[in-house]
């Protein structure tokens, strides 16, 4: 499990990144398909910053804080990170590191399948 501490206002918040974060996001966003959940999360990195993407980022921070035992307002988290964009990158890096990673065998199979197309 990956952990990260951030400061929101005067509060130091521990973020924990694990499967529980995905479960909370799935419930909050009403997405049951793991594939659809990853597609939505992946859309955060597709260029333009939108209000929806900022809200999604706030939701990720909210869920990670909740798994760390903290209750925060996701909008407050977004406000802080608009002022400190480097923190957004740090959080997304830790979040992505916590995602399930394919095994070497899975990577090999995917590469072979791609080569056949």
N, C-alpha and C. Protein backbone atom coordinates (compact mmCIF):
# COMPACT_ATOMS: atom_id res chain seq x y z
N UNK A 1 0.84 -1.17 0.00
CA UNK A 1 0.00 0.00 0.00
C UNK A 1 0.89 1.24 0.00
N UNK A 2 0.60 2.17 -0.89
CA UNK A 2 1.34 3.42 -0.96
C UNK A 2 0.69 4.46 -0.07
N UNK A 3 1.52 5.28 0.59
CA UNK A 3 1.03 6.33 1.47
C UNK A 3 1.70 7.64 1.10
N UNK A 4 0.99 8.73 1.38
CA UNK A 4 1.51 10.05 1.10
C UNK A 4 0.83 11.02 2.05
N UNK A 5 1.57 11.99 2.57
CA UNK A 5 0.97 13.01 3.43
C UNK A 5 0.90 14.32 2.66
N UNK A 6 -0.23 15.01 2.80
CA UNK A 6 -0.41 16.32 2.19
C UNK A 6 -0.99 17.26 3.24
N UNK A 7 -0.88 18.54 2.98
CA UNK A 7 -1.43 19.53 3.90
C UNK A 7 -2.60 20.23 3.21
N UNK A 8 -3.76 20.17 3.83
CA UNK A 8 -4.94 20.85 3.34
C UNK A 8 -5.34 21.84 4.43
N UNK A 9 -5.13 23.12 4.16
CA UNK A 9 -5.35 24.13 5.19
C UNK A 9 -4.33 23.90 6.30
N UNK A 10 -4.81 23.75 7.52
CA UNK A 10 -3.92 23.49 8.66
C UNK A 10 -3.84 22.01 8.99
N UNK A 11 -4.56 21.21 8.24
CA UNK A 11 -4.66 19.78 8.52
C UNK A 11 -3.66 18.99 7.66
N UNK A 12 -2.87 18.12 8.30
CA UNK A 12 -2.02 17.18 7.57
C UNK A 12 -2.83 15.91 7.39
N UNK A 13 -2.96 15.51 6.14
CA UNK A 13 -3.83 14.38 5.79
C UNK A 13 -2.97 13.26 5.21
N UNK A 14 -3.16 12.06 5.75
CA UNK A 14 -2.47 10.89 5.20
C UNK A 14 -3.36 10.26 4.14
N UNK A 15 -2.79 10.10 2.95
CA UNK A 15 -3.50 9.44 1.85
C UNK A 15 -2.97 8.02 1.74
N UNK A 16 -3.87 7.07 1.65
CA UNK A 16 -3.50 5.68 1.44
C UNK A 16 -4.09 5.22 0.12
N UNK A 17 -3.25 4.63 -0.70
CA UNK A 17 -3.67 4.18 -2.02
C UNK A 17 -3.68 2.66 -2.04
N UNK A 18 -4.88 2.08 -2.19
CA UNK A 18 -5.04 0.63 -2.24
C UNK A 18 -6.34 0.29 -2.98
N UNK A 19 -6.71 -0.96 -2.98
CA UNK A 19 -7.93 -1.39 -3.67
C UNK A 19 -9.15 -0.66 -3.15
N UNK A 20 -9.16 -0.34 -1.85
CA UNK A 20 -10.30 0.34 -1.26
C UNK A 20 -10.58 1.68 -1.91
N UNK A 21 -9.54 2.35 -2.39
CA UNK A 21 -9.73 3.63 -3.09
C UNK A 21 -10.53 3.38 -4.37
N UNK A 22 -10.18 2.35 -5.11
CA UNK A 22 -10.92 2.02 -6.33
C UNK A 22 -12.37 1.68 -6.02
N UNK A 23 -12.58 0.94 -4.94
CA UNK A 23 -13.95 0.58 -4.55
C UNK A 23 -14.77 1.83 -4.22
N UNK A 24 -14.18 2.75 -3.45
CA UNK A 24 -14.89 3.99 -3.10
C UNK A 24 -15.19 4.82 -4.35
N UNK A 25 -14.23 4.90 -5.26
CA UNK A 25 -14.46 5.66 -6.50
C UNK A 25 -15.55 5.00 -7.34
N UNK A 26 -15.53 3.69 -7.40
CA UNK A 26 -16.56 2.95 -8.14
C UNK A 26 -17.95 3.27 -7.61
N UNK A 27 -18.08 3.28 -6.29
CA UNK A 27 -19.37 3.60 -5.67
C UNK A 27 -19.76 5.06 -5.92
N UNK A 28 -18.83 5.97 -5.73
CA UNK A 28 -19.11 7.41 -5.88
C UNK A 28 -19.50 7.76 -7.31
N UNK A 29 -18.81 7.16 -8.27
CA UNK A 29 -19.04 7.47 -9.68
C UNK A 29 -20.11 6.58 -10.32
N UNK A 30 -20.60 5.57 -9.60
CA UNK A 30 -21.62 4.68 -10.15
C UNK A 30 -21.10 3.82 -11.30
N UNK A 31 -19.85 3.40 -11.21
CA UNK A 31 -19.24 2.58 -12.26
C UNK A 31 -18.90 1.22 -11.66
N UNK A 32 -19.48 0.17 -12.21
CA UNK A 32 -19.21 -1.18 -11.71
C UNK A 32 -18.15 -1.92 -12.51
N UNK A 33 -17.99 -1.56 -13.76
CA UNK A 33 -17.01 -2.22 -14.61
C UNK A 33 -15.60 -1.71 -14.29
N UNK A 34 -14.69 -2.64 -14.01
CA UNK A 34 -13.31 -2.27 -13.73
C UNK A 34 -12.71 -1.57 -14.94
N UNK A 35 -12.99 -2.08 -16.12
CA UNK A 35 -12.48 -1.47 -17.35
C UNK A 35 -12.96 -0.04 -17.48
N UNK A 36 -14.26 0.19 -17.27
CA UNK A 36 -14.81 1.54 -17.38
C UNK A 36 -14.23 2.47 -16.31
N UNK A 37 -13.97 1.92 -15.12
CA UNK A 37 -13.36 2.71 -14.06
C UNK A 37 -11.96 3.17 -14.47
N UNK A 38 -11.16 2.26 -15.04
CA UNK A 38 -9.81 2.61 -15.48
C UNK A 38 -9.84 3.58 -16.66
N UNK A 39 -10.84 3.45 -17.53
CA UNK A 39 -10.97 4.39 -18.65
C UNK A 39 -11.23 5.80 -18.11
N UNK A 40 -12.13 5.89 -17.12
CA UNK A 40 -12.43 7.20 -16.54
C UNK A 40 -11.19 7.78 -15.87
N UNK A 41 -10.49 6.98 -15.10
CA UNK A 41 -9.27 7.45 -14.43
C UNK A 41 -8.22 7.86 -15.47
N UNK A 42 -8.09 7.07 -16.51
CA UNK A 42 -7.12 7.36 -17.57
C UNK A 42 -7.41 8.66 -18.30
N UNK A 43 -8.67 9.08 -18.31
CA UNK A 43 -9.03 10.32 -19.01
C UNK A 43 -8.44 11.55 -18.33
N UNK A 44 -7.97 11.40 -17.09
CA UNK A 44 -7.36 12.53 -16.39
C UNK A 44 -6.10 13.03 -17.11
N UNK A 45 -5.43 12.15 -17.81
CA UNK A 45 -4.17 12.53 -18.45
C UNK A 45 -4.28 12.84 -19.92
N UNK A 46 -5.49 13.07 -20.42
CA UNK A 46 -5.63 13.25 -21.87
C UNK A 46 -5.60 14.71 -22.33
N UNK A 47 -4.92 15.55 -21.59
CA UNK A 47 -4.72 16.92 -22.09
C UNK A 47 -5.44 17.99 -21.30
N UNK A 48 -6.51 18.49 -21.86
CA UNK A 48 -7.20 19.66 -21.32
C UNK A 48 -7.71 19.45 -19.89
N UNK A 49 -7.50 20.46 -19.06
CA UNK A 49 -8.01 20.43 -17.69
C UNK A 49 -9.44 20.97 -17.72
N UNK A 50 -10.37 20.15 -17.22
CA UNK A 50 -11.78 20.55 -17.18
C UNK A 50 -12.27 20.50 -15.75
N UNK A 51 -13.43 21.07 -15.51
CA UNK A 51 -14.03 21.03 -14.18
C UNK A 51 -14.30 19.57 -13.78
N UNK A 52 -14.75 18.76 -14.71
CA UNK A 52 -15.01 17.34 -14.41
C UNK A 52 -13.73 16.64 -13.96
N UNK A 53 -12.62 16.94 -14.63
CA UNK A 53 -11.36 16.30 -14.27
C UNK A 53 -10.87 16.77 -12.91
N UNK A 54 -11.05 18.06 -12.62
CA UNK A 54 -10.68 18.55 -11.30
C UNK A 54 -11.53 17.88 -10.22
N UNK A 55 -12.81 17.70 -10.50
CA UNK A 55 -13.68 17.00 -9.54
C UNK A 55 -13.25 15.55 -9.37
N UNK A 56 -12.87 14.89 -10.47
CA UNK A 56 -12.39 13.51 -10.38
C UNK A 56 -11.14 13.44 -9.52
N UNK A 57 -10.22 14.38 -9.72
CA UNK A 57 -9.00 14.42 -8.92
C UNK A 57 -9.36 14.60 -7.45
N UNK A 58 -10.27 15.51 -7.17
CA UNK A 58 -10.72 15.72 -5.79
C UNK A 58 -11.31 14.45 -5.20
N UNK A 59 -12.04 13.70 -6.01
CA UNK A 59 -12.63 12.43 -5.55
C UNK A 59 -11.54 11.41 -5.22
N UNK A 60 -10.47 11.38 -6.03
CA UNK A 60 -9.37 10.45 -5.75
C UNK A 60 -8.72 10.79 -4.42
N UNK A 61 -8.48 12.09 -4.19
CA UNK A 61 -7.87 12.53 -2.93
C UNK A 61 -8.82 12.23 -1.77
N UNK A 62 -10.11 12.49 -1.95
CA UNK A 62 -11.11 12.20 -0.91
C UNK A 62 -11.07 10.71 -0.54
N UNK A 63 -11.08 9.83 -1.56
CA UNK A 63 -11.09 8.39 -1.31
C UNK A 63 -9.80 7.93 -0.62
N UNK A 64 -8.66 8.46 -1.06
CA UNK A 64 -7.38 8.08 -0.44
C UNK A 64 -7.31 8.58 1.00
N UNK A 65 -7.86 9.77 1.26
CA UNK A 65 -7.89 10.29 2.63
C UNK A 65 -8.79 9.44 3.50
N UNK A 66 -9.92 9.04 2.95
CA UNK A 66 -10.87 8.20 3.69
C UNK A 66 -10.21 6.88 4.08
N UNK A 67 -9.44 6.29 3.16
CA UNK A 67 -8.73 5.05 3.47
C UNK A 67 -7.62 5.29 4.49
N UNK A 68 -7.14 6.54 4.58
CA UNK A 68 -6.15 6.91 5.58
C UNK A 68 -6.78 7.31 6.91
N UNK A 69 -8.12 7.22 7.00
CA UNK A 69 -8.81 7.53 8.24
C UNK A 69 -9.19 8.99 8.42
N UNK A 70 -9.17 9.76 7.32
CA UNK A 70 -9.47 11.19 7.38
C UNK A 70 -10.74 11.50 6.58
N UNK A 71 -11.48 12.50 7.02
CA UNK A 71 -12.61 13.01 6.26
C UNK A 71 -12.24 14.38 5.73
N UNK A 72 -12.26 14.55 4.43
CA UNK A 72 -11.95 15.86 3.84
C UNK A 72 -13.02 16.21 2.82
N UNK A 73 -13.06 17.46 2.46
CA UNK A 73 -13.93 17.95 1.39
C UNK A 73 -13.11 17.92 0.10
N UNK A 74 -13.57 17.21 -0.89
CA UNK A 74 -12.79 17.08 -2.12
C UNK A 74 -12.58 18.43 -2.80
N UNK A 75 -13.53 19.36 -2.66
CA UNK A 75 -13.36 20.69 -3.25
C UNK A 75 -12.20 21.45 -2.59
N UNK A 76 -12.03 21.29 -1.28
CA UNK A 76 -10.91 21.94 -0.59
C UNK A 76 -9.59 21.38 -1.11
N UNK A 77 -9.55 20.09 -1.36
CA UNK A 77 -8.34 19.47 -1.89
C UNK A 77 -8.01 20.05 -3.26
N UNK A 78 -9.01 20.22 -4.11
CA UNK A 78 -8.78 20.77 -5.44
C UNK A 78 -8.25 22.20 -5.35
N UNK A 79 -8.81 23.00 -4.45
CA UNK A 79 -8.35 24.38 -4.28
C UNK A 79 -6.86 24.43 -3.93
N UNK A 80 -6.44 23.57 -3.02
CA UNK A 80 -5.03 23.52 -2.62
C UNK A 80 -4.16 23.15 -3.81
N UNK A 81 -4.58 22.18 -4.59
CA UNK A 81 -3.76 21.67 -5.67
C UNK A 81 -3.74 22.59 -6.89
N UNK A 82 -4.73 23.45 -7.02
CA UNK A 82 -4.67 24.45 -8.08
C UNK A 82 -3.53 25.43 -7.81
N UNK A 83 -3.26 25.63 -6.53
CA UNK A 83 -2.18 26.51 -6.14
C UNK A 83 -0.83 25.78 -6.14
N UNK A 84 -0.84 24.45 -6.05
CA UNK A 84 0.38 23.65 -6.01
C UNK A 84 0.27 22.47 -6.98
N UNK A 85 0.32 22.74 -8.28
CA UNK A 85 0.12 21.66 -9.26
C UNK A 85 1.10 20.50 -9.12
N UNK A 86 2.28 20.77 -8.57
CA UNK A 86 3.25 19.68 -8.40
C UNK A 86 2.72 18.62 -7.45
N UNK A 87 1.88 19.00 -6.50
CA UNK A 87 1.26 18.04 -5.58
C UNK A 87 0.29 17.13 -6.32
N UNK A 88 -0.41 17.69 -7.31
CA UNK A 88 -1.33 16.88 -8.12
C UNK A 88 -0.55 15.76 -8.80
N UNK A 89 0.61 16.11 -9.37
CA UNK A 89 1.43 15.12 -10.06
C UNK A 89 1.92 14.05 -9.08
N UNK A 90 2.35 14.48 -7.91
CA UNK A 90 2.85 13.55 -6.90
C UNK A 90 1.75 12.56 -6.48
N UNK A 91 0.56 13.07 -6.26
CA UNK A 91 -0.57 12.22 -5.85
C UNK A 91 -0.93 11.25 -6.97
N UNK A 92 -1.01 11.73 -8.20
CA UNK A 92 -1.37 10.83 -9.29
C UNK A 92 -0.29 9.78 -9.51
N UNK A 93 0.97 10.13 -9.30
CA UNK A 93 2.06 9.16 -9.42
C UNK A 93 1.88 8.05 -8.39
N UNK A 94 1.62 8.41 -7.14
CA UNK A 94 1.42 7.41 -6.08
C UNK A 94 0.16 6.58 -6.35
N UNK A 95 -0.88 7.25 -6.81
CA UNK A 95 -2.13 6.55 -7.13
C UNK A 95 -1.90 5.51 -8.23
N UNK A 96 -1.22 5.91 -9.29
CA UNK A 96 -0.98 4.99 -10.40
C UNK A 96 -0.05 3.85 -10.00
N UNK A 97 0.91 4.12 -9.12
CA UNK A 97 1.79 3.06 -8.62
C UNK A 97 1.00 2.00 -7.86
N UNK A 98 -0.11 2.40 -7.27
CA UNK A 98 -0.90 1.46 -6.47
C UNK A 98 -1.81 0.58 -7.32
N UNK A 99 -1.94 0.92 -8.61
CA UNK A 99 -2.79 0.14 -9.51
C UNK A 99 -2.18 -1.24 -9.74
N UNK A 100 -3.02 -2.24 -9.98
CA UNK A 100 -2.48 -3.57 -10.27
C UNK A 100 -1.58 -3.51 -11.50
N UNK A 101 -0.41 -4.11 -11.40
CA UNK A 101 0.55 -4.14 -12.50
C UNK A 101 0.55 -5.53 -13.13
N UNK A 102 0.61 -5.59 -14.47
CA UNK A 102 0.64 -6.90 -15.12
C UNK A 102 1.94 -7.64 -14.83
N UNK A 103 1.83 -8.95 -14.76
CA UNK A 103 3.02 -9.77 -14.58
C UNK A 103 3.80 -9.80 -15.89
N UNK A 104 5.02 -10.29 -15.84
CA UNK A 104 5.85 -10.39 -17.05
C UNK A 104 5.16 -11.30 -18.08
N UNK A 105 4.53 -12.34 -17.61
CA UNK A 105 3.83 -13.26 -18.52
C UNK A 105 2.66 -12.55 -19.20
N UNK A 106 1.92 -11.75 -18.46
CA UNK A 106 0.80 -11.00 -19.03
C UNK A 106 1.30 -9.98 -20.06
N UNK A 107 2.43 -9.33 -19.76
CA UNK A 107 3.01 -8.37 -20.70
C UNK A 107 3.42 -9.08 -22.00
N UNK A 108 4.02 -10.26 -21.84
CA UNK A 108 4.48 -11.04 -23.01
C UNK A 108 3.28 -11.46 -23.86
N UNK A 109 2.23 -11.95 -23.23
CA UNK A 109 1.03 -12.37 -23.94
C UNK A 109 0.40 -11.19 -24.66
N UNK A 110 0.32 -10.04 -23.99
CA UNK A 110 -0.27 -8.84 -24.62
C UNK A 110 0.55 -8.40 -25.82
N UNK A 111 1.89 -8.46 -25.71
CA UNK A 111 2.76 -8.07 -26.82
C UNK A 111 2.60 -9.01 -27.99
N UNK A 112 2.46 -10.30 -27.72
CA UNK A 112 2.28 -11.29 -28.78
C UNK A 112 0.94 -11.08 -29.47
N UNK A 113 -0.09 -10.80 -28.69
CA UNK A 113 -1.41 -10.56 -29.26
C UNK A 113 -1.40 -9.32 -30.14
N UNK A 114 -0.75 -8.27 -29.67
CA UNK A 114 -0.65 -7.03 -30.43
C UNK A 114 0.11 -7.24 -31.73
N UNK A 115 1.16 -8.06 -31.69
CA UNK A 115 1.98 -8.31 -32.87
C UNK A 115 1.21 -9.08 -33.95
N UNK A 116 0.24 -9.89 -33.55
CA UNK A 116 -0.56 -10.68 -34.48
C UNK A 116 -1.58 -9.83 -35.22
N UNK A 117 -1.91 -8.69 -34.68
CA UNK A 117 -2.94 -7.85 -35.31
C UNK A 117 -2.47 -7.13 -36.49
